[in-house]
């Protein structure tokens, strides 16, 4: 669990407009978001099983813009 020590930037009426967090905490948040994105992509790929493609062929298709 990430502990966040946030500070809010507010306007003249006291409405929250932005958040300031320490850099180390922001880096932890970004790492967690990247991990969640990886999990989401993996889960999506598992929903649509397909035949295995040799690595070299996959790289070639990506370079040629043929990858789905």
C-alpha atoms as a PDB file:
ATOM      1  CA  UNK A   1       0.000   0.000   0.000  1.00  0.00           C
ATOM      2  CA  UNK A   2       1.293   3.433  -0.901  1.00  0.00           C
ATOM      3  CA  UNK A   3       1.070   6.108   1.757  1.00  0.00           C
ATOM      4  CA  UNK A   4       0.509   9.487   0.141  1.00  0.00           C
ATOM      5  CA  UNK A   5       1.217  12.805   1.825  1.00  0.00           C
ATOM      6  CA  UNK A   6      -0.689  15.046  -0.534  1.00  0.00           C
ATOM      7  CA  UNK A   7      -1.051  18.819  -0.418  1.00  0.00           C
ATOM      8  CA  UNK A   8      -3.872  20.528  -2.267  1.00  0.00           C
ATOM      9  CA  UNK A   9      -3.678  23.680  -4.337  1.00  0.00           C
ATOM     10  CA  UNK A  10      -6.919  25.590  -3.890  1.00  0.00           C
ATOM     11  CA  UNK A  11      -8.488  28.579  -5.600  1.00  0.00           C
ATOM     12  CA  UNK A  12      -9.808  31.737  -3.915  1.00  0.00           C
ATOM     13  CA  UNK A  13     -13.041  29.941  -2.973  1.00  0.00           C
ATOM     14  CA  UNK A  14     -11.195  27.010  -1.403  1.00  0.00           C
ATOM     15  CA  UNK A  15     -11.982  24.596  -4.255  1.00  0.00           C
ATOM     16  CA  UNK A  16      -9.290  21.980  -4.827  1.00  0.00           C
ATOM     17  CA  UNK A  17      -7.600  22.528  -8.187  1.00  0.00           C
ATOM     18  CA  UNK A  18      -4.434  20.411  -8.018  1.00  0.00           C
ATOM     19  CA  UNK A  19      -2.493  18.007  -5.841  1.00  0.00           C
ATOM     20  CA  UNK A  20       1.175  18.138  -4.897  1.00  0.00           C
ATOM     21  CA  UNK A  21       2.860  14.934  -3.718  1.00  0.00           C
ATOM     22  CA  UNK A  22       6.494  14.214  -2.874  1.00  0.00           C
ATOM     23  CA  UNK A  23       8.496  12.935  -5.854  1.00  0.00           C
ATOM     24  CA  UNK A  24       9.264   9.553  -4.250  1.00  0.00           C
ATOM     25  CA  UNK A  25       5.568   8.956  -3.622  1.00  0.00           C
ATOM     26  CA  UNK A  26       4.728  10.039  -7.189  1.00  0.00           C
ATOM     27  CA  UNK A  27       7.273   7.532  -8.520  1.00  0.00           C
ATOM     28  CA  UNK A  28       5.603   4.786  -6.448  1.00  0.00           C
ATOM     29  CA  UNK A  29       2.208   5.807  -7.833  1.00  0.00           C
ATOM     30  CA  UNK A  30       3.536   5.665 -11.412  1.00  0.00           C
ATOM     31  CA  UNK A  31       5.062   2.218 -10.820  1.00  0.00           C
ATOM     32  CA  UNK A  32       1.762   0.958  -9.419  1.00  0.00           C
ATOM     33  CA  UNK A  33      -0.161   2.389 -12.390  1.00  0.00           C
ATOM     34  CA  UNK A  34       2.258   0.764 -14.842  1.00  0.00           C
ATOM     35  CA  UNK A  35       1.847  -2.585 -13.065  1.00  0.00           C
ATOM     36  CA  UNK A  36      -1.947  -2.256 -13.224  1.00  0.00           C
ATOM     37  CA  UNK A  37      -1.732  -1.419 -16.923  1.00  0.00           C
ATOM     38  CA  UNK A  38       0.434  -4.502 -17.535  1.00  0.00           C
ATOM     39  CA  UNK A  39      -2.074  -6.673 -15.670  1.00  0.00           C
ATOM     40  CA  UNK A  40      -4.945  -5.183 -17.669  1.00  0.00           C
ATOM     41  CA  UNK A  41      -3.199  -5.855 -20.995  1.00  0.00           C
ATOM     42  CA  UNK A  42      -2.366  -9.406 -19.909  1.00  0.00           C
ATOM     43  CA  UNK A  43      -5.960 -10.063 -18.827  1.00  0.00           C
ATOM     44  CA  UNK A  44      -7.264  -8.709 -22.145  1.00  0.00           C
ATOM     45  CA  UNK A  45      -4.869 -10.917 -24.096  1.00  0.00           C
ATOM     46  CA  UNK A  46      -5.952 -13.999 -22.148  1.00  0.00           C
ATOM     47  CA  UNK A  47      -9.609 -13.334 -23.055  1.00  0.00           C
ATOM     48  CA  UNK A  48      -8.800 -13.865 -26.726  1.00  0.00           C
ATOM     49  CA  UNK A  49      -6.553 -16.904 -27.013  1.00  0.00           C
ATOM     50  CA  UNK A  50      -4.718 -17.367 -30.278  1.00  0.00           C
ATOM     51  CA  UNK A  51      -2.086 -19.602 -31.795  1.00  0.00           C
ATOM     52  CA  UNK A  52       1.492 -19.015 -30.744  1.00  0.00           C
ATOM     53  CA  UNK A  53       3.662 -17.038 -33.148  1.00  0.00           C
ATOM     54  CA  UNK A  54       7.446 -17.404 -33.206  1.00  0.00           C
ATOM     55  CA  UNK A  55       9.155 -14.349 -31.711  1.00  0.00           C
ATOM     56  CA  UNK A  56      11.029 -13.494 -34.908  1.00  0.00           C
ATOM     57  CA  UNK A  57       7.816 -13.574 -36.914  1.00  0.00           C
ATOM     58  CA  UNK A  58       6.049 -11.363 -34.374  1.00  0.00           C
ATOM     59  CA  UNK A  59       8.853  -8.799 -34.487  1.00  0.00           C
ATOM     60  CA  UNK A  60       8.775  -8.813 -38.294  1.00  0.00           C
ATOM     61  CA  UNK A  61       4.989  -8.304 -38.336  1.00  0.00           C
ATOM     62  CA  UNK A  62       5.222  -5.446 -35.850  1.00  0.00           C
ATOM     63  CA  UNK A  63       7.930  -3.742 -37.906  1.00  0.00           C
ATOM     64  CA  UNK A  64       5.872  -4.149 -41.071  1.00  0.00           C
ATOM     65  CA  UNK A  65       2.750  -2.860 -39.357  1.00  0.00           C
ATOM     66  CA  UNK A  66       0.886  -6.130 -39.787  1.00  0.00           C
ATOM     67  CA  UNK A  67       0.421  -6.898 -36.086  1.00  0.00           C
ATOM     68  CA  UNK A  68      -3.140  -6.891 -34.796  1.00  0.00           C
END
